[in-house]
Amino acid sequence: MRRKNSRTVTTFLLALSLLVSSITASAAPLQAATVQPRYVGLATLSAQLDISSSGLAACYSMVNVRSGYTAEVTMELLQSPEGKNSWSKEKSWDTSGSGRLTIDEIWFVAPGYDYKVEVSVDVYNSSGRIVESPVKDSIIVSY
């Protein structure tokens, strides 16, 4: 009899602890998680655009390539009629190599358009094979 009561009490306590832990877990506030892609040969990839009041677009990209990898980087300044989301290439620049690769260029743009910078990277391993080809867009800037 004593063994049966002990088993019943143990079962009750186990059920109670599971119930309390599920209530506690669901009551915890949810925090927004930022999802970052995991790259093989890339450490970082960024794309930035700023347009001055006179229409001078400052376009910038930075790529950090891990040791043992090389990359070809293309940065394009894209334009779209304001609010249309129909992008066409305005200007393009490229570079290649290993380590830290940056492209820092300026270009005058016309008013009445949305602009963004798009950075495309082909990353190669030591055998010369492409291991990843990520693309990163800047924010959209209206001018």
N, C-alpha and C. Protein backbone atom coordinates (compact mmCIF):
# COMPACT_ATOMS: atom_id res chain seq x y z
N MET A 1 0.81 -1.18 0.00
CA MET A 1 0.00 0.00 0.00
C MET A 1 0.86 1.25 0.00
N ARG A 2 1.88 1.20 0.81
CA ARG A 2 2.77 2.35 0.90
C ARG A 2 3.46 2.60 -0.43
N ARG A 3 3.79 1.53 -1.13
CA ARG A 3 4.45 1.65 -2.42
C ARG A 3 3.50 2.26 -3.45
N LYS A 4 2.24 1.91 -3.42
CA LYS A 4 1.24 2.44 -4.34
C LYS A 4 1.05 3.93 -4.12
N ASN A 5 1.01 4.37 -2.84
CA ASN A 5 0.87 5.80 -2.52
C ASN A 5 2.10 6.57 -2.98
N SER A 6 3.27 5.98 -2.82
CA SER A 6 4.50 6.63 -3.24
C SER A 6 4.52 6.82 -4.76
N ARG A 7 4.04 5.80 -5.48
CA ARG A 7 3.99 5.88 -6.94
C ARG A 7 2.97 6.93 -7.38
N THR A 8 1.85 7.01 -6.71
CA THR A 8 0.82 7.99 -7.04
C THR A 8 1.32 9.40 -6.79
N VAL A 9 1.99 9.60 -5.66
CA VAL A 9 2.54 10.92 -5.34
C VAL A 9 3.61 11.31 -6.35
N THR A 10 4.47 10.38 -6.73
CA THR A 10 5.52 10.65 -7.71
C THR A 10 4.91 11.03 -9.06
N THR A 11 3.91 10.28 -9.48
CA THR A 11 3.24 10.58 -10.75
C THR A 11 2.58 11.95 -10.70
N PHE A 12 1.92 12.27 -9.59
CA PHE A 12 1.26 13.57 -9.44
C PHE A 12 2.29 14.70 -9.50
N LEU A 13 3.40 14.56 -8.80
CA LEU A 13 4.43 15.60 -8.80
C LEU A 13 5.05 15.78 -10.18
N LEU A 14 5.26 14.68 -10.88
CA LEU A 14 5.80 14.76 -12.23
C LEU A 14 4.84 15.50 -13.16
N ALA A 15 3.56 15.16 -13.10
CA ALA A 15 2.55 15.84 -13.92
C ALA A 15 2.47 17.31 -13.56
N LEU A 16 2.52 17.63 -12.27
CA LEU A 16 2.46 19.03 -11.83
C LEU A 16 3.67 19.82 -12.32
N SER A 17 4.85 19.22 -12.26
CA SER A 17 6.05 19.94 -12.72
C SER A 17 6.01 20.18 -14.22
N LEU A 18 5.49 19.21 -14.98
CA LEU A 18 5.35 19.41 -16.43
C LEU A 18 4.36 20.52 -16.73
N LEU A 19 3.27 20.57 -15.99
CA LEU A 19 2.26 21.61 -16.19
C LEU A 19 2.83 22.99 -15.86
N VAL A 20 3.54 23.10 -14.76
CA VAL A 20 4.11 24.39 -14.35
C VAL A 20 5.17 24.85 -15.35
N SER A 21 6.01 23.93 -15.82
CA SER A 21 7.05 24.33 -16.78
C SER A 21 6.45 24.77 -18.10
N SER A 22 5.36 24.16 -18.54
CA SER A 22 4.74 24.59 -19.80
C SER A 22 4.07 25.94 -19.64
N ILE A 23 3.48 26.21 -18.50
CA ILE A 23 2.87 27.53 -18.25
C ILE A 23 3.95 28.59 -18.19
N THR A 24 5.05 28.30 -17.51
CA THR A 24 6.14 29.25 -17.39
C THR A 24 6.76 29.54 -18.76
N ALA A 25 6.92 28.51 -19.56
CA ALA A 25 7.52 28.69 -20.88
C ALA A 25 6.62 29.53 -21.77
N SER A 26 5.32 29.32 -21.71
CA SER A 26 4.43 30.07 -22.58
C SER A 26 4.23 31.49 -22.09
N ALA A 27 4.48 31.75 -20.82
CA ALA A 27 4.31 33.09 -20.28
C ALA A 27 5.52 33.97 -20.55
N ALA A 28 6.63 33.37 -20.92
CA ALA A 28 7.84 34.15 -21.19
C ALA A 28 7.62 35.00 -22.44
N PRO A 29 8.08 36.26 -22.42
CA PRO A 29 7.89 37.11 -23.59
C PRO A 29 8.70 36.61 -24.77
N LEU A 30 8.11 36.69 -25.95
CA LEU A 30 8.81 36.28 -27.16
C LEU A 30 9.69 37.42 -27.64
N GLN A 31 10.91 37.10 -27.99
CA GLN A 31 11.82 38.10 -28.52
C GLN A 31 12.04 37.80 -29.99
N ALA A 32 12.06 38.86 -30.77
CA ALA A 32 12.27 38.70 -32.20
C ALA A 32 13.71 38.25 -32.44
N ALA A 33 13.86 37.18 -33.17
CA ALA A 33 15.19 36.67 -33.49
C ALA A 33 15.57 37.15 -34.88
N THR A 34 16.78 37.62 -35.00
CA THR A 34 17.29 38.03 -36.29
C THR A 34 17.95 36.82 -36.94
N VAL A 35 17.46 36.46 -38.09
CA VAL A 35 18.02 35.30 -38.79
C VAL A 35 19.12 35.78 -39.71
N GLN A 36 20.28 35.23 -39.53
CA GLN A 36 21.43 35.57 -40.36
C GLN A 36 21.83 34.34 -41.17
N PRO A 37 22.06 34.50 -42.45
CA PRO A 37 22.49 33.33 -43.22
C PRO A 37 23.88 32.89 -42.80
N ARG A 38 24.12 31.59 -42.89
CA ARG A 38 25.45 31.05 -42.59
C ARG A 38 26.17 30.82 -43.91
N TYR A 39 27.31 31.43 -44.02
CA TYR A 39 28.10 31.30 -45.23
C TYR A 39 29.29 30.40 -44.98
N VAL A 40 29.78 29.79 -46.06
CA VAL A 40 30.94 28.92 -45.99
C VAL A 40 32.21 29.75 -46.12
N GLY A 41 32.31 30.52 -47.21
CA GLY A 41 33.53 31.27 -47.48
C GLY A 41 33.45 32.74 -47.17
N LEU A 42 32.27 33.21 -46.80
CA LEU A 42 32.09 34.63 -46.48
C LEU A 42 31.98 34.84 -44.99
N ALA A 43 32.64 35.87 -44.49
CA ALA A 43 32.47 36.25 -43.09
C ALA A 43 31.40 37.33 -42.98
N THR A 44 31.44 38.34 -43.86
CA THR A 44 30.43 39.41 -43.84
C THR A 44 30.16 39.88 -45.26
N LEU A 45 28.97 40.48 -45.41
CA LEU A 45 28.55 41.04 -46.68
C LEU A 45 27.64 42.22 -46.38
N SER A 46 27.97 43.41 -46.92
CA SER A 46 27.13 44.57 -46.68
C SER A 46 26.96 45.39 -47.96
N ALA A 47 25.84 46.13 -48.00
CA ALA A 47 25.52 47.00 -49.13
C ALA A 47 24.89 48.27 -48.57
N GLN A 48 25.41 49.43 -48.98
CA GLN A 48 24.90 50.70 -48.45
C GLN A 48 24.73 51.71 -49.58
N LEU A 49 23.71 52.55 -49.42
CA LEU A 49 23.44 53.62 -50.38
C LEU A 49 22.98 54.85 -49.64
N ASP A 50 23.54 55.99 -50.03
CA ASP A 50 23.11 57.28 -49.51
C ASP A 50 23.07 58.25 -50.68
N ILE A 51 22.01 59.04 -50.79
CA ILE A 51 21.89 60.01 -51.87
C ILE A 51 21.75 61.40 -51.27
N SER A 52 22.63 62.30 -51.68
CA SER A 52 22.60 63.67 -51.17
C SER A 52 21.47 64.46 -51.81
N SER A 53 21.22 65.63 -51.28
CA SER A 53 20.15 66.48 -51.81
C SER A 53 20.45 66.96 -53.24
N SER A 54 21.71 66.90 -53.66
CA SER A 54 22.07 67.29 -55.02
C SER A 54 22.07 66.10 -55.99
N GLY A 55 21.71 64.90 -55.49
CA GLY A 55 21.63 63.74 -56.36
C GLY A 55 22.90 62.92 -56.46
N LEU A 56 23.84 63.15 -55.57
CA LEU A 56 25.08 62.37 -55.57
C LEU A 56 24.86 61.09 -54.76
N ALA A 57 24.90 59.95 -55.45
CA ALA A 57 24.69 58.66 -54.80
C ALA A 57 26.04 58.11 -54.34
N ALA A 58 26.16 57.85 -53.05
CA ALA A 58 27.34 57.21 -52.49
C ALA A 58 27.01 55.73 -52.32
N CYS A 59 27.68 54.90 -53.11
CA CYS A 59 27.42 53.46 -53.15
C CYS A 59 28.60 52.74 -52.50
N TYR A 60 28.30 51.81 -51.59
CA TYR A 60 29.38 51.15 -50.85
C TYR A 60 29.03 49.68 -50.63
N SER A 61 30.01 48.82 -50.83
CA SER A 61 29.86 47.40 -50.47
C SER A 61 31.14 46.93 -49.80
N MET A 62 30.96 46.00 -48.87
CA MET A 62 32.11 45.40 -48.20
C MET A 62 31.86 43.90 -48.08
N VAL A 63 32.88 43.13 -48.47
CA VAL A 63 32.83 41.68 -48.38
C VAL A 63 34.09 41.23 -47.67
N ASN A 64 33.94 40.42 -46.64
CA ASN A 64 35.08 39.80 -45.97
C ASN A 64 35.07 38.32 -46.31
N VAL A 65 36.12 37.87 -46.99
CA VAL A 65 36.23 36.49 -47.45
C VAL A 65 37.12 35.73 -46.47
N ARG A 66 36.67 34.55 -46.08
CA ARG A 66 37.45 33.72 -45.15
C ARG A 66 38.73 33.20 -45.82
N SER A 67 39.68 32.85 -44.99
CA SER A 67 40.96 32.32 -45.47
C SER A 67 40.72 31.06 -46.30
N GLY A 68 41.43 30.95 -47.43
CA GLY A 68 41.30 29.80 -48.30
C GLY A 68 40.24 29.96 -49.39
N TYR A 69 39.58 31.12 -49.41
CA TYR A 69 38.55 31.39 -50.40
C TYR A 69 38.86 32.70 -51.13
N THR A 70 38.34 32.82 -52.34
CA THR A 70 38.43 34.07 -53.09
C THR A 70 37.02 34.44 -53.52
N ALA A 71 36.85 35.68 -53.99
CA ALA A 71 35.51 36.12 -54.38
C ALA A 71 35.57 37.10 -55.54
N GLU A 72 34.51 37.08 -56.32
CA GLU A 72 34.25 38.10 -57.35
C GLU A 72 33.02 38.85 -56.89
N VAL A 73 33.15 40.17 -56.79
CA VAL A 73 32.08 41.01 -56.24
C VAL A 73 31.61 41.98 -57.31
N THR A 74 30.30 42.06 -57.50
CA THR A 74 29.70 43.04 -58.40
C THR A 74 28.71 43.88 -57.60
N MET A 75 28.86 45.19 -57.69
CA MET A 75 27.92 46.11 -57.06
C MET A 75 27.20 46.88 -58.16
N GLU A 76 25.87 46.82 -58.14
CA GLU A 76 25.08 47.53 -59.14
C GLU A 76 24.21 48.57 -58.46
N LEU A 77 24.15 49.75 -59.06
CA LEU A 77 23.21 50.77 -58.65
C LEU A 77 21.97 50.58 -59.53
N LEU A 78 20.85 50.27 -58.91
CA LEU A 78 19.61 49.99 -59.63
C LEU A 78 18.62 51.13 -59.44
N GLN A 79 17.81 51.40 -60.46
CA GLN A 79 16.79 52.44 -60.35
C GLN A 79 15.44 51.87 -60.78
N SER A 80 14.39 52.47 -60.22
CA SER A 80 13.03 52.09 -60.56
C SER A 80 12.18 53.35 -60.51
N PRO A 81 11.23 53.51 -61.44
CA PRO A 81 10.32 54.66 -61.30
C PRO A 81 9.68 54.60 -59.91
N GLU A 82 9.61 55.74 -59.25
CA GLU A 82 9.16 55.80 -57.86
C GLU A 82 7.91 54.96 -57.62
N GLY A 83 8.02 54.02 -56.67
CA GLY A 83 6.90 53.19 -56.26
C GLY A 83 6.54 52.05 -57.20
N LYS A 84 7.27 51.85 -58.29
CA LYS A 84 6.92 50.84 -59.29
C LYS A 84 7.57 49.47 -59.05
N ASN A 85 8.68 49.42 -58.34
CA ASN A 85 9.39 48.17 -58.06
C ASN A 85 9.74 47.40 -59.34
N SER A 86 10.20 48.15 -60.34
CA SER A 86 10.63 47.59 -61.62
C SER A 86 12.06 48.06 -61.86
N TRP A 87 13.04 47.24 -61.44
CA TRP A 87 14.42 47.68 -61.34
C TRP A 87 15.20 47.49 -62.64
N SER A 88 16.02 48.50 -62.96
CA SER A 88 16.95 48.41 -64.09
C SER A 88 18.32 48.94 -63.64
N LYS A 89 19.36 48.46 -64.32
CA LYS A 89 20.72 48.83 -63.92
C LYS A 89 21.06 50.23 -64.40
N GLU A 90 21.53 51.05 -63.47
CA GLU A 90 22.00 52.40 -63.76
C GLU A 90 23.52 52.39 -63.97
N LYS A 91 24.23 51.66 -63.09
CA LYS A 91 25.70 51.64 -63.13
C LYS A 91 26.18 50.38 -62.41
N SER A 92 27.36 49.88 -62.80
CA SER A 92 27.89 48.67 -62.20
C SER A 92 29.40 48.80 -61.97
N TRP A 93 29.90 48.22 -60.88
CA TRP A 93 31.32 48.18 -60.57
C TRP A 93 31.65 46.78 -60.07
N ASP A 94 32.91 46.36 -60.22
CA ASP A 94 33.27 45.04 -59.70
C ASP A 94 34.71 45.01 -59.21
N THR A 95 34.99 43.99 -58.44
CA THR A 95 36.33 43.73 -57.91
C THR A 95 36.43 42.25 -57.60
N SER A 96 37.65 41.78 -57.36
CA SER A 96 37.82 40.38 -56.99
C SER A 96 39.08 40.25 -56.13
N GLY A 97 39.17 39.11 -55.46
CA GLY A 97 40.34 38.86 -54.62
C GLY A 97 39.98 38.08 -53.38
N SER A 98 40.79 38.26 -52.35
CA SER A 98 40.56 37.57 -51.08
C SER A 98 40.67 38.59 -49.95
N GLY A 99 40.33 38.14 -48.75
CA GLY A 99 40.38 39.04 -47.60
C GLY A 99 39.22 40.02 -47.60
N ARG A 100 39.52 41.28 -47.34
CA ARG A 100 38.49 42.31 -47.31
C ARG A 100 38.41 43.01 -48.67
N LEU A 101 37.25 42.95 -49.28
CA LEU A 101 37.03 43.57 -50.59
C LEU A 101 35.99 44.67 -50.44
N THR A 102 36.33 45.87 -50.88
CA THR A 102 35.38 46.98 -50.80
C THR A 102 35.24 47.63 -52.17
N ILE A 103 34.03 48.13 -52.40
CA ILE A 103 33.77 48.98 -53.57
C ILE A 103 33.12 50.23 -53.00
N ASP A 104 33.69 51.38 -53.29
CA ASP A 104 33.23 52.66 -52.76
C ASP A 104 33.19 53.65 -53.92
N GLU A 105 32.00 53.90 -54.45
CA GLU A 105 31.87 54.71 -55.66
C GLU A 105 30.76 55.76 -55.50
N ILE A 106 30.84 56.80 -56.33
CA ILE A 106 29.79 57.82 -56.37
C ILE A 106 29.27 57.94 -57.80
N TRP A 107 28.01 58.37 -57.89
CA TRP A 107 27.36 58.48 -59.19
C TRP A 107 26.20 59.46 -59.06
N PHE A 108 26.07 60.37 -60.01
CA PHE A 108 24.93 61.29 -59.97
C PHE A 108 23.69 60.59 -60.51
N VAL A 109 22.55 60.77 -59.82
CA VAL A 109 21.30 60.11 -60.21
C VAL A 109 20.24 61.16 -60.53
N ALA A 110 19.24 60.74 -61.28
CA ALA A 110 18.15 61.63 -61.70
C ALA A 110 17.01 61.59 -60.68
N PRO A 111 16.29 62.70 -60.53
CA PRO A 111 15.16 62.71 -59.59
C PRO A 111 13.97 61.92 -60.15
N GLY A 112 13.05 61.55 -59.24
CA GLY A 112 11.84 60.85 -59.63
C GLY A 112 11.96 59.34 -59.64
N TYR A 113 13.03 58.82 -59.07
CA TYR A 113 13.26 57.37 -59.06
C TYR A 113 13.55 56.87 -57.65
N ASP A 114 13.32 55.57 -57.45
CA ASP A 114 13.82 54.85 -56.28
C ASP A 114 15.15 54.22 -56.69
N TYR A 115 16.07 54.16 -55.74
CA TYR A 115 17.39 53.57 -56.01
C TYR A 115 17.74 52.58 -54.91
N LYS A 116 18.53 51.59 -55.29
CA LYS A 116 19.13 50.67 -54.32
C LYS A 116 20.43 50.14 -54.89
N VAL A 117 21.28 49.68 -54.01
CA VAL A 117 22.53 49.02 -54.39
C VAL A 117 22.32 47.53 -54.17
N GLU A 118 22.72 46.75 -55.18
CA GLU A 118 22.66 45.29 -55.06
C GLU A 118 24.07 44.75 -55.21
N VAL A 119 24.50 43.96 -54.23
CA VAL A 119 25.84 43.38 -54.24
C VAL A 119 25.71 41.87 -54.45
N SER A 120 26.35 41.38 -55.51
CA SER A 120 26.36 39.95 -55.82
C SER A 120 27.79 39.44 -55.65
N VAL A 121 27.92 38.28 -55.03
CA VAL A 121 29.24 37.72 -54.76
C VAL A 121 29.27 36.26 -55.21
N ASP A 122 30.31 35.91 -55.93
CA ASP A 122 30.60 34.51 -56.20
C ASP A 122 31.84 34.16 -55.38
N VAL A 123 31.68 33.18 -54.49
CA VAL A 123 32.79 32.77 -53.61
C VAL A 123 33.32 31.43 -54.10
N TYR A 124 34.66 31.37 -54.24
CA TYR A 124 35.34 30.19 -54.77
C TYR A 124 36.21 29.54 -53.69
N ASN A 125 36.22 28.21 -53.67
CA ASN A 125 37.14 27.52 -52.75
C ASN A 125 38.52 27.42 -53.40
N SER A 126 39.46 26.77 -52.74
CA SER A 126 40.83 26.69 -53.25
C SER A 126 40.94 25.86 -54.53
N SER A 127 39.90 25.07 -54.83
CA SER A 127 39.88 24.29 -56.08
C SER A 127 39.27 25.07 -57.23
N GLY A 128 38.82 26.29 -56.96
CA GLY A 128 38.24 27.11 -58.01
C GLY A 128 36.76 26.87 -58.25
N ARG A 129 36.12 26.12 -57.37
CA ARG A 129 34.68 25.86 -57.50
C ARG A 129 33.87 26.88 -56.71
N ILE A 130 32.73 27.30 -57.28
CA ILE A 130 31.86 28.23 -56.56
C ILE A 130 31.19 27.48 -55.41
N VAL A 131 31.31 28.03 -54.21
CA VAL A 131 30.70 27.41 -53.04
C VAL A 131 29.44 28.14 -52.58
N GLU A 132 29.31 29.39 -52.98
CA GLU A 132 28.10 30.16 -52.65
C GLU A 132 28.05 31.42 -53.51
N SER A 133 26.83 31.91 -53.71
CA SER A 133 26.62 33.12 -54.52
C SER A 133 25.55 33.99 -53.89
N PRO A 134 25.85 34.59 -52.75
CA PRO A 134 24.84 35.42 -52.09
C PRO A 134 24.65 36.77 -52.77
N VAL A 135 23.48 37.36 -52.53
CA VAL A 135 23.15 38.70 -53.04
C VAL A 135 22.60 39.49 -51.86
N LYS A 136 23.03 40.74 -51.76
CA LYS A 136 22.58 41.62 -50.67
C LYS A 136 22.14 42.95 -51.26
N ASP A 137 20.96 43.42 -50.84
CA ASP A 137 20.45 44.72 -51.28
C ASP A 137 20.57 45.75 -50.15
N SER A 138 20.82 46.99 -50.53
CA SER A 138 20.78 48.09 -49.57
C SER A 138 19.32 48.45 -49.33
N ILE A 139 19.12 49.45 -48.51
CA ILE A 139 17.79 50.02 -48.37
C ILE A 139 17.44 50.74 -49.67
N ILE A 140 16.15 50.95 -49.90
CA ILE A 140 15.70 51.70 -51.07
C ILE A 140 15.66 53.18 -50.69
N VAL A 141 16.25 54.01 -51.55
CA VAL A 141 16.29 55.45 -51.32
C VAL A 141 15.56 56.13 -52.45
N SER A 142 14.60 56.98 -52.13
CA SER A 142 13.88 57.74 -53.15
C SER A 142 14.56 59.09 -53.34
N TYR A 143 14.63 59.53 -54.61
CA TYR A 143 15.23 60.84 -54.88
C TYR A 143 14.38 61.56 -55.90
